[in-house]
Each structure stands twice: as structure tokens, then as C-alpha cells.
Amino acid sequence: MATCVTAEPDKTPFQTLKSRSGMSLIKAHEARARNSFPIFTTRPVEEVKALYRDKLAAECAAVRVFGTDVLILSVEGVGKTHAHFSIMADEALDSAMNHNDRIRRFFCFACKSLEQASSKAGEYKTEHRRAVVIKSF
């Protein structure tokens, strides 16, 4: 997987890479991601949301390579859960294809309310993906 190196304003891409030498790959990735947010623009809110969702989805997919726990810090409603929908669907398919033991598997999200769970389930569902809301005790 290739990673794009964004040059810092006063440095060339090579100088940026050199300044990160000795830094772990995950720390360098984190620094690059942090510097690419927020997006300053005068675009309408819905366009900015779409931009954030696209960037967030790309970051969530990219960070999976590290195989470690990751905490995403962002405001409510920007698309953190949405960013994981395609990743989750792909991993569910991988899990199903990698096992031939007839055990049914599932992936899930936890939500703070039944209303939010219903909303997320509706957002997740497509022609090829199913979602079920399970009410806790």
C-alpha cells in the first residue's frame, strides 16, 4: 500500500520525510492524518460533510494495516460509523470465505440508543447488506 506524503508548508516532500526519520510509521501516519484535518472551506455544510466522510473513510481503511487499536476523535455526526460500513462488509465477506466450518458469523455496531441503532441500520442496509437491530436487556 502506498502512502502519500503531504509536504509541510515550508518543506519539500523529501524534507518532510527526512524530518520524520526515527518516528514510528504509525506516529508518522497519525501526524499526517492530524495535519490533513480540519478542512477549511466556504463550501456548503453538506459538501463539507461529504468531504469529511470521504477522508475519514480513507483514513479508517489505511490505519487498519497497523493491526492495533485506534481511537477516532471527531464530533458527532461526521461519519465515524459510516466510514466503517464498507470495511465491515468486506471483513464479514473475508471471514465467511476464509472459514468452511458452517458456523454463522456476524459483525455488529453498538449504539447509544435504540433510535440511533435504527438509523444506523437503515444507513447500512443496501441491496446486498442486511442489518438487524437488537434491543438490549
N, C-alpha and C. Protein backbone atom coordinates (compact mmCIF):
# COMPACT_ATOMS: atom_id res chain seq x y z
N MET A 1 0.84 -1.17 0.00
CA MET A 1 0.00 0.00 0.00
C MET A 1 0.89 1.23 0.00
N ALA A 2 0.60 2.16 -0.88
CA ALA A 2 1.39 3.38 -0.97
C ALA A 2 0.76 4.45 -0.09
N THR A 3 1.59 5.25 0.54
CA THR A 3 1.11 6.34 1.36
C THR A 3 1.59 7.64 0.76
N CYS A 4 0.69 8.57 0.61
CA CYS A 4 1.03 9.87 0.05
C CYS A 4 1.65 10.72 1.14
N VAL A 5 2.75 11.38 0.83
CA VAL A 5 3.40 12.26 1.79
C VAL A 5 3.05 13.69 1.42
N THR A 6 2.36 14.37 2.30
CA THR A 6 2.00 15.76 2.08
C THR A 6 3.09 16.62 2.69
N ALA A 7 3.67 17.46 1.87
CA ALA A 7 4.74 18.32 2.36
C ALA A 7 4.19 19.36 3.32
N GLU A 8 4.94 19.63 4.35
CA GLU A 8 4.58 20.71 5.26
C GLU A 8 4.78 22.01 4.49
N PRO A 9 4.05 23.07 4.83
CA PRO A 9 4.08 24.30 4.03
C PRO A 9 5.46 24.85 3.69
N ASP A 10 6.40 24.75 4.61
CA ASP A 10 7.73 25.32 4.38
C ASP A 10 8.77 24.27 4.01
N LYS A 11 8.34 23.04 3.71
CA LYS A 11 9.28 21.96 3.40
C LYS A 11 8.88 21.23 2.12
N THR A 12 9.86 20.68 1.45
CA THR A 12 9.59 19.82 0.29
C THR A 12 9.16 18.46 0.82
N PRO A 13 8.53 17.61 -0.02
CA PRO A 13 8.17 16.27 0.44
C PRO A 13 9.36 15.50 1.01
N PHE A 14 10.54 15.64 0.36
CA PHE A 14 11.73 14.95 0.86
C PHE A 14 12.13 15.45 2.24
N GLN A 15 12.09 16.77 2.45
CA GLN A 15 12.43 17.34 3.75
C GLN A 15 11.43 16.88 4.82
N THR A 16 10.17 16.76 4.44
CA THR A 16 9.15 16.28 5.37
C THR A 16 9.45 14.85 5.79
N LEU A 17 9.76 13.98 4.81
CA LEU A 17 10.11 12.60 5.13
C LEU A 17 11.33 12.53 6.02
N LYS A 18 12.36 13.32 5.68
CA LYS A 18 13.60 13.33 6.46
C LYS A 18 13.34 13.77 7.91
N SER A 19 12.44 14.75 8.09
CA SER A 19 12.16 15.24 9.45
C SER A 19 11.44 14.18 10.28
N ARG A 20 10.83 13.23 9.63
CA ARG A 20 10.11 12.16 10.34
C ARG A 20 10.97 10.93 10.58
N SER A 21 12.22 10.96 10.16
CA SER A 21 13.07 9.79 10.38
C SER A 21 13.21 9.55 11.88
N GLY A 22 13.21 8.29 12.24
CA GLY A 22 13.26 7.93 13.65
C GLY A 22 11.88 7.86 14.29
N MET A 23 10.86 8.35 13.58
CA MET A 23 9.50 8.30 14.07
C MET A 23 8.87 6.99 13.59
N SER A 24 8.12 6.33 14.44
CA SER A 24 7.48 5.08 14.03
C SER A 24 6.50 5.37 12.89
N LEU A 25 6.24 4.36 12.09
CA LEU A 25 5.34 4.51 10.95
C LEU A 25 3.95 4.93 11.40
N ILE A 26 3.47 4.35 12.48
CA ILE A 26 2.12 4.71 12.95
C ILE A 26 2.09 6.15 13.44
N LYS A 27 3.14 6.62 14.10
CA LYS A 27 3.19 8.02 14.56
C LYS A 27 3.26 8.98 13.37
N ALA A 28 4.01 8.60 12.35
CA ALA A 28 4.10 9.43 11.14
C ALA A 28 2.73 9.49 10.45
N HIS A 29 2.05 8.34 10.39
CA HIS A 29 0.72 8.30 9.77
C HIS A 29 -0.25 9.17 10.57
N GLU A 30 -0.19 9.06 11.89
CA GLU A 30 -1.05 9.85 12.76
C GLU A 30 -0.80 11.34 12.56
N ALA A 31 0.45 11.74 12.48
CA ALA A 31 0.79 13.15 12.28
C ALA A 31 0.26 13.66 10.94
N ARG A 32 0.42 12.84 9.90
CA ARG A 32 -0.06 13.23 8.58
C ARG A 32 -1.58 13.37 8.59
N ALA A 33 -2.26 12.41 9.21
CA ALA A 33 -3.73 12.46 9.27
C ALA A 33 -4.20 13.68 10.05
N ARG A 34 -3.55 13.93 11.19
CA ARG A 34 -3.93 15.07 12.02
C ARG A 34 -3.76 16.38 11.25
N ASN A 35 -2.69 16.48 10.47
CA ASN A 35 -2.43 17.71 9.73
C ASN A 35 -3.36 17.89 8.54
N SER A 36 -4.03 16.83 8.11
CA SER A 36 -4.92 16.95 6.96
C SER A 36 -6.35 17.34 7.38
N PHE A 37 -6.61 17.41 8.68
CA PHE A 37 -7.89 17.86 9.20
C PHE A 37 -7.66 19.12 10.02
N PRO A 38 -8.54 20.03 10.18
CA PRO A 38 -9.83 20.13 9.52
C PRO A 38 -9.68 20.69 8.12
N ILE A 39 -10.77 20.64 7.40
CA ILE A 39 -10.82 21.21 6.05
C ILE A 39 -11.38 22.62 6.20
N PHE A 40 -10.60 23.60 5.82
CA PHE A 40 -11.08 24.98 5.86
C PHE A 40 -11.64 25.33 4.49
N THR A 41 -12.92 25.70 4.46
CA THR A 41 -13.57 25.97 3.19
C THR A 41 -14.80 26.82 3.41
N THR A 42 -15.28 27.40 2.34
CA THR A 42 -16.54 28.16 2.37
C THR A 42 -17.64 27.39 1.67
N ARG A 43 -17.41 26.11 1.41
CA ARG A 43 -18.42 25.28 0.75
C ARG A 43 -19.62 25.07 1.67
N PRO A 44 -20.76 24.69 1.08
CA PRO A 44 -21.95 24.39 1.91
C PRO A 44 -21.68 23.22 2.85
N VAL A 45 -22.39 23.20 3.98
CA VAL A 45 -22.18 22.19 5.02
C VAL A 45 -22.29 20.77 4.48
N GLU A 46 -23.25 20.50 3.63
CA GLU A 46 -23.42 19.13 3.11
C GLU A 46 -22.21 18.70 2.28
N GLU A 47 -21.61 19.63 1.53
CA GLU A 47 -20.39 19.30 0.76
C GLU A 47 -19.23 19.01 1.70
N VAL A 48 -19.11 19.80 2.77
CA VAL A 48 -18.03 19.60 3.74
C VAL A 48 -18.20 18.25 4.43
N LYS A 49 -19.44 17.90 4.79
CA LYS A 49 -19.71 16.59 5.39
C LYS A 49 -19.26 15.47 4.46
N ALA A 50 -19.58 15.61 3.18
CA ALA A 50 -19.19 14.59 2.20
C ALA A 50 -17.66 14.50 2.11
N LEU A 51 -16.98 15.64 2.11
CA LEU A 51 -15.50 15.65 2.08
C LEU A 51 -14.94 14.95 3.32
N TYR A 52 -15.47 15.28 4.50
CA TYR A 52 -15.01 14.66 5.73
C TYR A 52 -15.25 13.16 5.71
N ARG A 53 -16.43 12.75 5.26
CA ARG A 53 -16.74 11.32 5.23
C ARG A 53 -15.78 10.57 4.32
N ASP A 54 -15.47 11.16 3.16
CA ASP A 54 -14.53 10.52 2.25
C ASP A 54 -13.14 10.41 2.86
N LYS A 55 -12.67 11.50 3.47
CA LYS A 55 -11.34 11.50 4.10
C LYS A 55 -11.29 10.53 5.27
N LEU A 56 -12.35 10.54 6.07
CA LEU A 56 -12.42 9.67 7.24
C LEU A 56 -12.43 8.21 6.83
N ALA A 57 -13.18 7.88 5.79
CA ALA A 57 -13.23 6.50 5.29
C ALA A 57 -11.85 6.06 4.82
N ALA A 58 -11.15 6.93 4.11
CA ALA A 58 -9.80 6.60 3.62
C ALA A 58 -8.84 6.39 4.79
N GLU A 59 -8.92 7.25 5.81
CA GLU A 59 -8.04 7.11 6.98
C GLU A 59 -8.35 5.83 7.74
N CYS A 60 -9.63 5.52 7.93
CA CYS A 60 -10.01 4.29 8.65
C CYS A 60 -9.50 3.05 7.92
N ALA A 61 -9.59 3.06 6.62
CA ALA A 61 -9.10 1.91 5.84
C ALA A 61 -7.58 1.83 5.91
N ALA A 62 -6.91 2.97 5.81
CA ALA A 62 -5.44 2.98 5.80
C ALA A 62 -4.85 2.53 7.12
N VAL A 63 -5.45 2.93 8.22
CA VAL A 63 -4.89 2.63 9.54
C VAL A 63 -5.05 1.16 9.91
N ARG A 64 -5.91 0.43 9.22
CA ARG A 64 -6.12 -0.99 9.50
C ARG A 64 -4.84 -1.80 9.31
N VAL A 65 -3.94 -1.31 8.49
CA VAL A 65 -2.70 -2.03 8.22
C VAL A 65 -1.85 -2.20 9.47
N PHE A 66 -2.03 -1.33 10.47
CA PHE A 66 -1.22 -1.40 11.67
C PHE A 66 -1.66 -2.50 12.63
N GLY A 67 -2.87 -3.02 12.46
CA GLY A 67 -3.35 -4.12 13.30
C GLY A 67 -3.35 -3.81 14.78
N THR A 68 -3.72 -2.60 15.13
CA THR A 68 -3.74 -2.19 16.53
C THR A 68 -5.02 -1.41 16.81
N ASP A 69 -5.30 -1.19 18.07
CA ASP A 69 -6.47 -0.39 18.43
C ASP A 69 -6.23 1.06 18.05
N VAL A 70 -7.28 1.70 17.56
CA VAL A 70 -7.20 3.09 17.14
C VAL A 70 -8.40 3.83 17.69
N LEU A 71 -8.18 5.01 18.20
CA LEU A 71 -9.26 5.85 18.72
C LEU A 71 -9.47 6.99 17.74
N ILE A 72 -10.69 7.14 17.27
CA ILE A 72 -11.02 8.22 16.33
C ILE A 72 -11.69 9.33 17.12
N LEU A 73 -11.09 10.50 17.11
CA LEU A 73 -11.65 11.65 17.81
C LEU A 73 -12.28 12.58 16.79
N SER A 74 -13.58 12.75 16.89
CA SER A 74 -14.29 13.62 15.97
C SER A 74 -15.66 13.94 16.54
N VAL A 75 -16.28 14.97 16.03
CA VAL A 75 -17.59 15.37 16.52
C VAL A 75 -18.67 14.38 16.11
N GLU A 76 -19.77 14.41 16.81
CA GLU A 76 -20.89 13.53 16.50
C GLU A 76 -21.47 13.90 15.14
N GLY A 77 -21.79 12.88 14.37
CA GLY A 77 -22.48 13.10 13.10
C GLY A 77 -21.58 13.32 11.90
N VAL A 78 -20.27 13.21 12.07
CA VAL A 78 -19.37 13.47 10.95
C VAL A 78 -19.14 12.23 10.09
N GLY A 79 -19.48 11.04 10.60
CA GLY A 79 -19.38 9.85 9.77
C GLY A 79 -18.41 8.78 10.24
N LYS A 80 -18.12 8.74 11.53
CA LYS A 80 -17.19 7.73 12.04
C LYS A 80 -17.73 6.32 11.81
N THR A 81 -18.99 6.10 12.15
CA THR A 81 -19.59 4.78 11.94
C THR A 81 -19.73 4.49 10.46
N HIS A 82 -20.21 5.46 9.73
CA HIS A 82 -20.40 5.30 8.27
C HIS A 82 -19.08 4.90 7.59
N ALA A 83 -17.98 5.46 8.07
CA ALA A 83 -16.67 5.16 7.48
C ALA A 83 -16.32 3.68 7.60
N HIS A 84 -16.90 3.00 8.59
CA HIS A 84 -16.59 1.59 8.81
C HIS A 84 -17.54 0.63 8.10
N PHE A 85 -18.62 1.12 7.53
CA PHE A 85 -19.60 0.24 6.91
C PHE A 85 -18.99 -0.64 5.81
N SER A 86 -18.29 -0.05 4.86
CA SER A 86 -17.69 -0.83 3.77
C SER A 86 -16.59 -1.75 4.29
N ILE A 87 -15.79 -1.25 5.23
CA ILE A 87 -14.72 -2.07 5.82
C ILE A 87 -15.34 -3.29 6.50
N MET A 88 -16.41 -3.06 7.28
CA MET A 88 -17.06 -4.14 7.99
C MET A 88 -17.65 -5.16 7.01
N ALA A 89 -18.28 -4.69 5.96
CA ALA A 89 -18.87 -5.60 4.97
C ALA A 89 -17.78 -6.43 4.30
N ASP A 90 -16.66 -5.81 3.97
CA ASP A 90 -15.54 -6.54 3.36
C ASP A 90 -14.97 -7.57 4.32
N GLU A 91 -14.81 -7.20 5.59
CA GLU A 91 -14.26 -8.13 6.58
C GLU A 91 -15.22 -9.28 6.86
N ALA A 92 -16.52 -9.01 6.82
CA ALA A 92 -17.51 -10.08 7.01
C ALA A 92 -17.40 -11.08 5.86
N LEU A 93 -17.25 -10.57 4.65
CA LEU A 93 -17.09 -11.46 3.49
C LEU A 93 -15.79 -12.26 3.60
N ASP A 94 -14.70 -11.59 3.96
CA ASP A 94 -13.42 -12.29 4.15
C ASP A 94 -13.54 -13.39 5.19
N SER A 95 -14.20 -13.08 6.30
CA SER A 95 -14.36 -14.06 7.37
C SER A 95 -15.17 -15.25 6.88
N ALA A 96 -16.23 -14.99 6.14
CA ALA A 96 -17.06 -16.09 5.62
C ALA A 96 -16.29 -16.94 4.62
N MET A 97 -15.51 -16.29 3.77
CA MET A 97 -14.77 -17.02 2.73
C MET A 97 -13.57 -17.79 3.29
N ASN A 98 -13.03 -17.34 4.40
CA ASN A 98 -11.85 -17.98 4.99
C ASN A 98 -12.18 -19.15 5.91
N HIS A 99 -13.45 -19.40 6.14
CA HIS A 99 -13.85 -20.49 7.02
C HIS A 99 -14.83 -21.41 6.29
N ASN A 100 -14.61 -22.68 6.43
CA ASN A 100 -15.51 -23.66 5.82
C ASN A 100 -16.03 -24.58 6.92
N ASP A 101 -16.50 -23.97 8.03
CA ASP A 101 -16.89 -24.77 9.19
C ASP A 101 -18.39 -24.68 9.50
N ARG A 102 -19.15 -24.06 8.63
CA ARG A 102 -20.60 -23.94 8.75
C ARG A 102 -21.05 -23.14 9.98
N ILE A 103 -20.15 -22.41 10.59
CA ILE A 103 -20.50 -21.55 11.72
C ILE A 103 -20.94 -20.21 11.15
N ARG A 104 -22.11 -19.75 11.58
CA ARG A 104 -22.60 -18.45 11.12
C ARG A 104 -21.90 -17.35 11.91
N ARG A 105 -21.44 -16.36 11.22
CA ARG A 105 -20.73 -15.26 11.85
C ARG A 105 -21.48 -13.95 11.61
N PHE A 106 -21.23 -12.98 12.46
CA PHE A 106 -21.84 -11.68 12.26
C PHE A 106 -20.91 -10.60 12.77
N PHE A 107 -21.12 -9.41 12.29
CA PHE A 107 -20.40 -8.23 12.74
C PHE A 107 -21.44 -7.28 13.31
N CYS A 108 -21.02 -6.44 14.26
CA CYS A 108 -22.03 -5.57 14.87
C CYS A 108 -21.44 -4.21 15.25
N PHE A 109 -22.36 -3.28 15.46
CA PHE A 109 -22.05 -1.96 16.00
C PHE A 109 -22.88 -1.78 17.25
N ALA A 110 -22.36 -1.07 18.22
CA ALA A 110 -23.12 -0.71 19.42
C ALA A 110 -23.49 0.77 19.30
N CYS A 111 -24.69 1.10 19.70
CA CYS A 111 -25.16 2.48 19.62
C CYS A 111 -25.68 2.93 20.98
N LYS A 112 -25.77 4.23 21.17
CA LYS A 112 -26.17 4.76 22.48
C LYS A 112 -27.68 4.70 22.71
N SER A 113 -28.47 4.51 21.65
CA SER A 113 -29.92 4.45 21.82
C SER A 113 -30.52 3.56 20.74
N LEU A 114 -31.74 3.12 20.98
CA LEU A 114 -32.46 2.32 20.00
C LEU A 114 -32.74 3.14 18.75
N GLU A 115 -33.03 4.41 18.94
CA GLU A 115 -33.28 5.31 17.80
C GLU A 115 -32.03 5.42 16.92
N GLN A 116 -30.87 5.60 17.55
CA GLN A 116 -29.63 5.70 16.79
C GLN A 116 -29.33 4.38 16.08
N ALA A 117 -29.56 3.26 16.76
CA ALA A 117 -29.32 1.95 16.16
C ALA A 117 -30.20 1.75 14.93
N SER A 118 -31.46 2.14 15.02
CA SER A 118 -32.37 2.02 13.87
C SER A 118 -31.90 2.89 12.72
N SER A 119 -31.44 4.08 13.03
CA SER A 119 -30.94 5.00 11.99
C SER A 119 -29.69 4.41 11.31
N LYS A 120 -28.75 3.90 12.12
CA LYS A 120 -27.52 3.32 11.56
C LYS A 120 -27.83 2.07 10.74
N ALA A 121 -28.78 1.26 11.19
CA ALA A 121 -29.16 0.06 10.44
C ALA A 121 -29.72 0.45 9.09
N GLY A 122 -30.56 1.48 9.06
CA GLY A 122 -31.11 1.97 7.80
C GLY A 122 -30.03 2.50 6.87
N GLU A 123 -29.03 3.15 7.44
CA GLU A 123 -27.91 3.69 6.66
C GLU A 123 -27.04 2.57 6.11
N TYR A 124 -26.89 1.49 6.87
CA TYR A 124 -26.02 0.38 6.47
C TYR A 124 -26.65 -0.48 5.37
N LYS A 125 -27.96 -0.68 5.44
CA LYS A 125 -28.65 -1.59 4.52
C LYS A 125 -28.48 -1.16 3.07
N THR A 126 -28.20 -2.14 2.24
CA THR A 126 -28.18 -1.95 0.79
C THR A 126 -28.85 -3.17 0.18
N GLU A 127 -28.82 -3.24 -1.12
CA GLU A 127 -29.38 -4.40 -1.81
C GLU A 127 -28.64 -5.67 -1.40
N HIS A 128 -27.35 -5.54 -1.03
CA HIS A 128 -26.51 -6.71 -0.72
C HIS A 128 -26.15 -6.84 0.75
N ARG A 129 -26.56 -5.88 1.59
CA ARG A 129 -26.22 -5.93 3.01
C ARG A 129 -27.49 -5.86 3.85
N ARG A 130 -27.54 -6.72 4.85
CA ARG A 130 -28.68 -6.73 5.77
C ARG A 130 -28.25 -6.17 7.12
N ALA A 131 -29.23 -5.66 7.84
CA ALA A 131 -28.96 -5.15 9.18
C ALA A 131 -30.15 -5.47 10.08
N VAL A 132 -29.85 -5.81 11.31
CA VAL A 132 -30.88 -6.13 12.29
C VAL A 132 -30.57 -5.32 13.55
N VAL A 133 -31.61 -4.74 14.15
CA VAL A 133 -31.44 -4.00 15.40
C VAL A 133 -31.86 -4.94 16.54
N ILE A 134 -30.99 -5.14 17.49
CA ILE A 134 -31.27 -5.99 18.64
C ILE A 134 -31.35 -5.10 19.88
N LYS A 135 -32.49 -5.12 20.52
CA LYS A 135 -32.70 -4.32 21.72
C LYS A 135 -32.03 -5.00 22.91
N SER A 136 -31.26 -4.23 23.67
CA SER A 136 -30.58 -4.81 24.84
C SER A 136 -31.58 -5.01 25.99
N PHE A 137 -31.11 -5.69 27.01
CA PHE A 137 -31.98 -6.00 28.15
C PHE A 137 -32.29 -4.77 28.98
